[in-house]
Amino acid sequence: MTEDRRLPIEEAAQLVGRGGVLAYPTESCFGLGCDPTNRAAVERILALKGRSAGRGLILIGGAWQDLAPYMAPLPDAAYRRLEVAWPGPVTFLVPPSEAVPDWVRGHHAKVALRWTAHPHAARLCRAFGGAVVSTSANREGEPALRTAESVLAELGDGIDGCMIGRIGMRVRPSAILDALSGERFR
């Protein structure tokens, strides 16, 4: 992939809408994303990473309305956990709605959702009009890639574009909590 494949947010969102696979900046690294309802795009990401489909994927949104369609109704205590942590670098495992495709959830009974506070990732979701898949830009077992240059060098042939922007200041990936119990998994 050449340097001219770096896309501003609006073009990146259009690429996702057309079924493309996009690298984009998140809180701690570049992520790989696509339309979660597009099975072929999700399968391309899994193949590029060498990741098992059974592990499931995170969906990020730039606003509550991006994520709400993917959640089953929650008890008040779970909503309070979300309200305290979101937007921010916390991924919650929640009971899925009927809208969650099996290829996103994997072999899990819950779906992983994060309302991102990263400005570029949040703007991508708003421009796309909903949640996008979010998984670290790397091959399984390798370190997450933190620059557009490294993404283009390592994964450029497997992606359709790389969004212009910088990652956040976090060194570690988002925490993962169960919305119902509060149990921490990462």
Protein backbone atom coordinates (compact mmCIF):
# COMPACT_ATOMS: atom_id res chain seq x y z
CA MET A 1 0.00 0.00 0.00
CA THR A 2 1.38 3.40 -0.91
CA GLU A 3 1.23 6.56 1.15
CA ASP A 4 -1.71 7.87 -0.91
CA ARG A 5 -3.91 5.23 0.76
CA ARG A 6 -4.01 7.32 3.97
CA LEU A 7 -7.53 8.57 4.29
CA PRO A 8 -9.24 11.45 6.07
CA ILE A 9 -12.08 10.43 8.39
CA GLU A 10 -14.91 10.97 5.91
CA GLU A 11 -13.25 8.83 3.22
CA ALA A 12 -12.34 6.19 5.82
CA ALA A 13 -16.00 5.97 6.90
CA GLN A 14 -17.09 5.60 3.27
CA LEU A 15 -14.55 2.79 2.81
CA VAL A 16 -16.01 0.97 5.84
CA GLY A 17 -19.50 1.49 4.42
CA ARG A 18 -18.43 -0.12 1.15
CA GLY A 19 -17.21 -3.25 2.96
CA GLY A 20 -13.57 -2.28 3.24
CA VAL A 21 -11.03 -3.11 5.94
CA LEU A 22 -9.53 -0.04 7.58
CA ALA A 23 -6.64 0.63 9.94
CA TYR A 24 -7.41 3.52 12.28
CA PRO A 25 -5.96 5.10 15.44
CA THR A 26 -7.39 4.18 18.85
CA GLU A 27 -6.50 4.93 22.48
CA SER A 28 -3.35 2.75 22.60
CA CYS A 29 -2.56 1.48 19.08
CA PHE A 30 -3.86 1.31 15.56
CA GLY A 31 -6.91 -0.89 15.19
CA LEU A 32 -8.35 -2.85 12.32
CA GLY A 33 -12.00 -2.21 11.67
CA CYS A 34 -14.91 -2.76 9.35
CA ASP A 35 -18.69 -2.80 9.29
CA PRO A 36 -19.65 -5.44 11.89
CA THR A 37 -22.61 -6.53 9.76
CA ASN A 38 -20.35 -7.36 6.81
CA ARG A 39 -19.26 -10.96 7.36
CA ALA A 40 -16.76 -10.96 4.47
CA ALA A 41 -14.98 -7.89 5.86
CA VAL A 42 -14.84 -9.40 9.37
CA GLU A 43 -13.45 -12.64 7.93
CA ARG A 44 -10.77 -10.67 6.07
CA ILE A 45 -9.66 -9.08 9.36
CA LEU A 46 -9.56 -12.45 11.12
CA ALA A 47 -7.53 -13.98 8.28
CA LEU A 48 -5.13 -11.03 8.17
CA LYS A 49 -4.50 -11.31 11.91
CA GLY A 50 -4.47 -15.11 11.97
CA ARG A 51 -7.11 -14.88 14.70
CA SER A 52 -9.67 -17.55 15.50
CA ALA A 53 -13.26 -16.55 14.73
CA GLY A 54 -14.31 -18.09 18.04
CA ARG A 55 -12.47 -15.43 20.05
CA GLY A 56 -14.93 -12.71 19.05
CA LEU A 57 -14.27 -9.03 18.40
CA ILE A 58 -14.90 -5.70 20.10
CA LEU A 59 -17.29 -3.13 18.65
CA ILE A 60 -16.59 0.54 19.32
CA GLY A 61 -18.95 3.45 19.02
CA GLY A 62 -18.58 7.21 19.17
CA ALA A 63 -21.87 7.67 21.00
CA TRP A 64 -24.36 5.69 23.05
CA GLN A 65 -26.69 5.28 20.06
CA ASP A 66 -23.92 3.48 18.13
CA LEU A 67 -23.75 0.71 20.75
CA ALA A 68 -27.32 0.52 22.08
CA PRO A 69 -28.60 -1.58 19.14
CA TYR A 70 -26.14 -4.33 20.07
CA MET A 71 -27.16 -4.61 23.75
CA ALA A 72 -29.99 -6.56 25.30
CA PRO A 73 -31.75 -4.66 28.10
CA LEU A 74 -29.54 -4.37 31.18
CA PRO A 75 -30.29 -4.10 34.90
CA ASP A 76 -29.87 -0.64 36.44
CA ALA A 77 -26.58 -1.60 38.15
CA ALA A 78 -25.05 -2.51 34.78
CA TYR A 79 -26.21 0.77 33.21
CA ARG A 80 -24.57 2.64 36.11
CA ARG A 81 -21.26 0.84 35.44
CA LEU A 82 -21.43 1.92 31.80
CA GLU A 83 -22.34 5.51 32.68
CA VAL A 84 -19.38 5.84 35.06
CA ALA A 85 -16.79 4.48 32.60
CA TRP A 86 -18.04 5.69 29.22
CA PRO A 87 -16.87 7.31 27.08
CA GLY A 88 -13.42 5.97 27.85
CA PRO A 89 -10.94 3.11 27.50
CA VAL A 90 -13.17 0.46 29.09
CA THR A 91 -14.69 -2.40 27.11
CA PHE A 92 -17.77 -4.02 28.64
CA LEU A 93 -19.07 -7.51 28.05
CA VAL A 94 -22.85 -7.24 27.77
CA PRO A 95 -25.69 -9.57 26.85
CA PRO A 96 -26.13 -9.19 23.09
CA SER A 97 -29.24 -8.10 21.25
CA GLU A 98 -30.50 -10.00 18.23
CA ALA A 99 -28.55 -7.51 16.07
CA VAL A 100 -25.14 -8.99 17.04
CA PRO A 101 -23.87 -11.29 14.30
CA ASP A 102 -22.34 -14.60 15.38
CA TRP A 103 -19.15 -13.68 13.52
CA VAL A 104 -18.68 -10.73 15.90
CA ARG A 105 -19.51 -12.52 19.16
CA GLY A 106 -17.56 -15.69 18.38
CA HIS A 107 -18.11 -18.48 20.89
CA HIS A 108 -19.04 -16.06 23.68
CA ALA A 109 -22.42 -15.56 25.31
CA LYS A 110 -21.76 -11.79 25.52
CA VAL A 111 -20.59 -9.10 23.13
CA ALA A 112 -17.69 -6.72 23.84
CA LEU A 113 -18.56 -3.01 23.43
CA ARG A 114 -16.62 0.23 24.04
CA TRP A 115 -17.75 3.83 23.76
CA THR A 116 -14.43 5.29 22.72
CA ALA A 117 -13.22 8.67 23.86
CA HIS A 118 -10.45 8.72 21.26
CA PRO A 119 -11.39 11.68 19.04
CA HIS A 120 -10.46 10.12 15.69
CA ALA A 121 -12.05 6.72 16.40
CA ALA A 122 -15.21 8.40 17.73
CA ARG A 123 -15.43 10.64 14.64
CA LEU A 124 -14.98 7.59 12.41
CA CYS A 125 -18.00 5.92 14.05
CA ARG A 126 -20.09 9.08 13.76
CA ALA A 127 -19.14 9.50 10.09
CA PHE A 128 -19.88 5.82 9.40
CA GLY A 129 -23.18 6.08 11.27
CA GLY A 130 -22.66 3.35 13.84
CA ALA A 131 -20.33 0.96 15.60
CA VAL A 132 -17.27 -0.52 13.89
CA VAL A 133 -15.18 -3.58 14.61
CA SER A 134 -12.10 -2.84 16.70
CA THR A 135 -9.18 -5.22 17.05
CA SER A 136 -5.53 -4.35 17.37
CA ALA A 137 -3.62 -3.94 14.13
CA ASN A 138 -1.17 -6.82 14.35
CA ARG A 139 -0.80 -10.45 13.52
CA GLU A 140 -1.86 -12.79 16.34
CA GLY A 141 0.86 -13.00 18.99
CA GLU A 142 2.77 -9.97 17.69
CA PRO A 143 2.87 -6.52 19.36
CA ALA A 144 0.11 -4.07 18.43
CA LEU A 145 1.23 -1.55 15.82
CA ARG A 146 1.38 2.05 17.03
CA THR A 147 2.11 4.07 13.88
CA ALA A 148 0.54 4.35 10.46
CA GLU A 149 3.95 3.63 8.93
CA SER A 150 4.25 0.31 10.78
CA VAL A 151 0.69 -0.65 9.86
CA LEU A 152 1.35 0.07 6.18
CA ALA A 153 4.64 -1.85 6.26
CA GLU A 154 3.31 -4.91 8.10
CA LEU A 155 -0.32 -5.16 7.00
CA GLY A 156 -0.64 -2.82 4.02
CA ASP A 157 -1.42 -5.52 1.47
CA GLY A 158 -4.32 -6.82 3.58
CA ILE A 159 -6.12 -3.54 4.25
CA ASP A 160 -7.98 -1.14 1.99
CA GLY A 161 -6.94 2.07 3.73
CA CYS A 162 -5.30 3.63 6.76
CA MET A 163 -7.04 6.56 8.44
CA ILE A 164 -5.02 9.68 9.10
CA GLY A 165 -4.58 10.38 12.81
CA ARG A 166 -2.56 9.64 15.92
CA ILE A 167 -3.09 7.08 18.62
CA GLY A 168 -3.86 8.15 22.17
CA MET A 169 -1.44 8.25 25.09
CA ARG A 170 -2.37 4.85 26.57
CA VAL A 171 0.30 2.19 26.57
CA ARG A 172 -1.99 -0.70 27.52
CA PRO A 173 -5.18 -1.82 25.76
CA SER A 174 -8.61 -1.04 27.21
CA ALA A 175 -9.76 -2.74 30.38
CA ILE A 176 -12.42 -5.43 29.84
CA LEU A 177 -15.18 -5.70 32.44
CA ASP A 178 -18.38 -7.70 32.70
CA ALA A 179 -21.23 -5.17 32.78
CA LEU A 180 -23.43 -7.43 34.91
CA SER A 181 -20.96 -8.53 37.57
CA GLY A 182 -18.24 -5.89 37.36
CA GLU A 183 -15.63 -8.68 37.08
CA ARG A 184 -12.42 -7.56 35.38
CA PHE A 185 -10.94 -9.75 32.64
CA ARG A 186 -8.15 -7.44 31.40
